[in-house]
């Protein structure tokens, strides 16, 4: 599933580039959206973000495309691979600017771990 985000001046750090915290927030948000669309009606919480790699600085005005792909489905957890690409200012739109894997666990109404599927 693809998602997009415009990098605005309020997202920029004191060096003039995208503040990494915004990127991590967007990763969490877009992967969560993907999980809830893929598994409607289920509740998920983030439990891990692996090997965060900022590969190139990102400037204001860039339109980022976030490609979110399911990488693993366990009994109560699901992991997505998230890659960010630049669509406006990037020299190569196929160049990965940021990549990580993020894992969610399904929880019930009381916050306890629960199986994703009814098996």
C-alpha atoms as a PDB file:
ATOM      1  CA  UNK A   1       0.000   0.000   0.000  1.00  0.00           C
ATOM      2  CA  UNK A   2       1.367   3.430  -0.888  1.00  0.00           C
ATOM      3  CA  UNK A   3       0.985   6.617   1.157  1.00  0.00           C
ATOM      4  CA  UNK A   4       2.254  10.144   0.451  1.00  0.00           C
ATOM      5  CA  UNK A   5       3.424  13.081   2.557  1.00  0.00           C
ATOM      6  CA  UNK A   6       4.549  16.616   1.705  1.00  0.00           C
ATOM      7  CA  UNK A   7       7.576  17.824   3.699  1.00  0.00           C
ATOM      8  CA  UNK A   8       6.640  21.275   5.032  1.00  0.00           C
ATOM      9  CA  UNK A   9       8.790  23.944   6.751  1.00  0.00           C
ATOM     10  CA  UNK A  10       7.530  22.856  10.190  1.00  0.00           C
ATOM     11  CA  UNK A  11       9.072  19.397   9.559  1.00  0.00           C
ATOM     12  CA  UNK A  12      12.586  20.809   9.098  1.00  0.00           C
ATOM     13  CA  UNK A  13      15.340  20.674  11.735  1.00  0.00           C
ATOM     14  CA  UNK A  14      17.899  23.375  12.620  1.00  0.00           C
ATOM     15  CA  UNK A  15      20.195  22.121   9.822  1.00  0.00           C
ATOM     16  CA  UNK A  16      17.566  22.675   7.130  1.00  0.00           C
ATOM     17  CA  UNK A  17      16.606  19.025   6.572  1.00  0.00           C
ATOM     18  CA  UNK A  18      13.704  16.807   7.586  1.00  0.00           C
ATOM     19  CA  UNK A  19      13.730  16.098  11.329  1.00  0.00           C
ATOM     20  CA  UNK A  20      13.986  12.309  11.723  1.00  0.00           C
ATOM     21  CA  UNK A  21      11.266  12.196  14.363  1.00  0.00           C
ATOM     22  CA  UNK A  22       8.663  13.260  11.795  1.00  0.00           C
ATOM     23  CA  UNK A  23       9.746  10.466   9.478  1.00  0.00           C
ATOM     24  CA  UNK A  24       9.463   7.892  12.275  1.00  0.00           C
ATOM     25  CA  UNK A  25       5.985   9.176  13.161  1.00  0.00           C
ATOM     26  CA  UNK A  26       4.840   8.896   9.533  1.00  0.00           C
ATOM     27  CA  UNK A  27       6.268   5.360   9.274  1.00  0.00           C
ATOM     28  CA  UNK A  28       4.323   4.311  12.366  1.00  0.00           C
ATOM     29  CA  UNK A  29       1.138   5.982  11.125  1.00  0.00           C
ATOM     30  CA  UNK A  30       1.232   4.610   7.576  1.00  0.00           C
ATOM     31  CA  UNK A  31       2.139   1.072   8.641  1.00  0.00           C
ATOM     32  CA  UNK A  32      -0.679   1.182  11.217  1.00  0.00           C
ATOM     33  CA  UNK A  33      -3.117   2.302   8.516  1.00  0.00           C
ATOM     34  CA  UNK A  34      -1.960  -0.594   6.330  1.00  0.00           C
ATOM     35  CA  UNK A  35      -2.511  -3.085   9.179  1.00  0.00           C
ATOM     36  CA  UNK A  36      -5.994  -1.796   9.987  1.00  0.00           C
ATOM     37  CA  UNK A  37      -7.001  -1.815   6.313  1.00  0.00           C
ATOM     38  CA  UNK A  38      -5.631  -5.349   5.862  1.00  0.00           C
ATOM     39  CA  UNK A  39      -7.230  -6.616   9.088  1.00  0.00           C
ATOM     40  CA  UNK A  40     -10.389  -4.504   9.568  1.00  0.00           C
ATOM     41  CA  UNK A  41     -11.904  -4.349  13.022  1.00  0.00           C
ATOM     42  CA  UNK A  42      -8.725  -5.499  14.822  1.00  0.00           C
ATOM     43  CA  UNK A  43      -6.695  -3.411  17.275  1.00  0.00           C
ATOM     44  CA  UNK A  44      -2.914  -3.137  16.886  1.00  0.00           C
ATOM     45  CA  UNK A  45      -0.087  -1.554  18.870  1.00  0.00           C
ATOM     46  CA  UNK A  46       3.474  -0.923  17.713  1.00  0.00           C
ATOM     47  CA  UNK A  47       6.039  -3.171  19.411  1.00  0.00           C
ATOM     48  CA  UNK A  48       9.210  -2.719  17.319  1.00  0.00           C
ATOM     49  CA  UNK A  49      10.889  -0.706  14.604  1.00  0.00           C
ATOM     50  CA  UNK A  50      14.001  -2.438  13.288  1.00  0.00           C
ATOM     51  CA  UNK A  51      17.248  -1.151  11.835  1.00  0.00           C
ATOM     52  CA  UNK A  52      16.237   2.439  11.098  1.00  0.00           C
ATOM     53  CA  UNK A  53      18.285   3.684   8.136  1.00  0.00           C
ATOM     54  CA  UNK A  54      18.268   7.334   7.040  1.00  0.00           C
ATOM     55  CA  UNK A  55      20.009   7.051   3.677  1.00  0.00           C
ATOM     56  CA  UNK A  56      19.826  10.626   2.367  1.00  0.00           C
ATOM     57  CA  UNK A  57      18.780  13.983   3.727  1.00  0.00           C
ATOM     58  CA  UNK A  58      15.323  15.172   2.768  1.00  0.00           C
ATOM     59  CA  UNK A  59      14.536  18.803   1.960  1.00  0.00           C
ATOM     60  CA  UNK A  60      11.448  20.946   2.402  1.00  0.00           C
ATOM     61  CA  UNK A  61       9.063  20.638  -0.554  1.00  0.00           C
ATOM     62  CA  UNK A  62       9.798  16.966  -1.174  1.00  0.00           C
ATOM     63  CA  UNK A  63       6.812  14.716  -1.722  1.00  0.00           C
ATOM     64  CA  UNK A  64       7.546  11.380  -0.114  1.00  0.00           C
ATOM     65  CA  UNK A  65       6.016   8.109  -1.248  1.00  0.00           C
ATOM     66  CA  UNK A  66       5.884   5.474   1.475  1.00  0.00           C
ATOM     67  CA  UNK A  67       5.657   1.907   0.143  1.00  0.00           C
ATOM     68  CA  UNK A  68       4.334  -0.418   2.859  1.00  0.00           C
ATOM     69  CA  UNK A  69       4.503  -4.173   2.233  1.00  0.00           C
ATOM     70  CA  UNK A  70       3.635  -6.982   4.606  1.00  0.00           C
ATOM     71  CA  UNK A  71       6.800  -8.923   5.365  1.00  0.00           C
ATOM     72  CA  UNK A  72       5.616 -11.455   7.951  1.00  0.00           C
ATOM     73  CA  UNK A  73       2.368 -12.588   9.531  1.00  0.00           C
ATOM     74  CA  UNK A  74       2.610 -14.430  12.838  1.00  0.00           C
ATOM     75  CA  UNK A  75      -0.011 -15.707  15.237  1.00  0.00           C
ATOM     76  CA  UNK A  76      -0.544 -12.356  16.980  1.00  0.00           C
ATOM     77  CA  UNK A  77       1.910 -10.058  15.191  1.00  0.00           C
ATOM     78  CA  UNK A  78       2.421  -8.609  11.733  1.00  0.00           C
ATOM     79  CA  UNK A  79       5.575  -6.968  10.356  1.00  0.00           C
ATOM     80  CA  UNK A  80       5.697  -4.491   7.475  1.00  0.00           C
ATOM     81  CA  UNK A  81       8.661  -3.305   5.411  1.00  0.00           C
ATOM     82  CA  UNK A  82       8.415   0.451   4.854  1.00  0.00           C
ATOM     83  CA  UNK A  83      10.465   2.324   2.260  1.00  0.00           C
ATOM     84  CA  UNK A  84      10.333   6.058   1.544  1.00  0.00           C
ATOM     85  CA  UNK A  85      11.040   7.490  -1.909  1.00  0.00           C
ATOM     86  CA  UNK A  86      11.267  11.109  -3.062  1.00  0.00           C
ATOM     87  CA  UNK A  87       9.031  12.145  -5.946  1.00  0.00           C
ATOM     88  CA  UNK A  88       9.971  15.805  -6.511  1.00  0.00           C
ATOM     89  CA  UNK A  89      13.535  16.687  -5.576  1.00  0.00           C
ATOM     90  CA  UNK A  90      15.137  13.250  -5.597  1.00  0.00           C
ATOM     91  CA  UNK A  91      17.578  12.647  -8.425  1.00  0.00           C
ATOM     92  CA  UNK A  92      16.260   9.107  -8.832  1.00  0.00           C
ATOM     93  CA  UNK A  93      12.624   8.329  -7.869  1.00  0.00           C
ATOM     94  CA  UNK A  94      13.619   4.666  -7.391  1.00  0.00           C
ATOM     95  CA  UNK A  95      16.238   5.577  -4.748  1.00  0.00           C
ATOM     96  CA  UNK A  96      15.222   4.516  -1.245  1.00  0.00           C
ATOM     97  CA  UNK A  97      15.635   7.495   1.090  1.00  0.00           C
ATOM     98  CA  UNK A  98      14.604   5.651   4.243  1.00  0.00           C
ATOM     99  CA  UNK A  99      13.833   2.052   5.129  1.00  0.00           C
ATOM    100  CA  UNK A 100      12.802   0.055   8.171  1.00  0.00           C
ATOM    101  CA  UNK A 101      10.609  -2.813   9.329  1.00  0.00           C
ATOM    102  CA  UNK A 102       7.883  -2.180  11.873  1.00  0.00           C
ATOM    103  CA  UNK A 103       6.044  -4.805  13.914  1.00  0.00           C
ATOM    104  CA  UNK A 104       2.568  -4.612  15.432  1.00  0.00           C
ATOM    105  CA  UNK A 105       0.846  -6.978  17.823  1.00  0.00           C
ATOM    106  CA  UNK A 106      -2.887  -7.442  17.945  1.00  0.00           C
ATOM    107  CA  UNK A 107      -4.513  -6.639  21.273  1.00  0.00           C
ATOM    108  CA  UNK A 108      -8.017  -7.181  22.606  1.00  0.00           C
ATOM    109  CA  UNK A 109     -10.189  -4.570  24.312  1.00  0.00           C
ATOM    110  CA  UNK A 110      -8.295  -5.062  27.606  1.00  0.00           C
ATOM    111  CA  UNK A 111      -4.910  -4.612  25.904  1.00  0.00           C
ATOM    112  CA  UNK A 112      -3.906  -8.284  26.018  1.00  0.00           C
ATOM    113  CA  UNK A 113      -2.181  -9.973  23.096  1.00  0.00           C
ATOM    114  CA  UNK A 114      -4.676 -11.792  20.845  1.00  0.00           C
ATOM    115  CA  UNK A 115      -4.436 -13.932  17.695  1.00  0.00           C
ATOM    116  CA  UNK A 116      -4.868 -12.120  14.394  1.00  0.00           C
ATOM    117  CA  UNK A 117      -6.737 -14.983  12.793  1.00  0.00           C
ATOM    118  CA  UNK A 118      -9.361 -17.128  14.468  1.00  0.00           C
ATOM    119  CA  UNK A 119      -7.295 -20.351  14.341  1.00  0.00           C
END
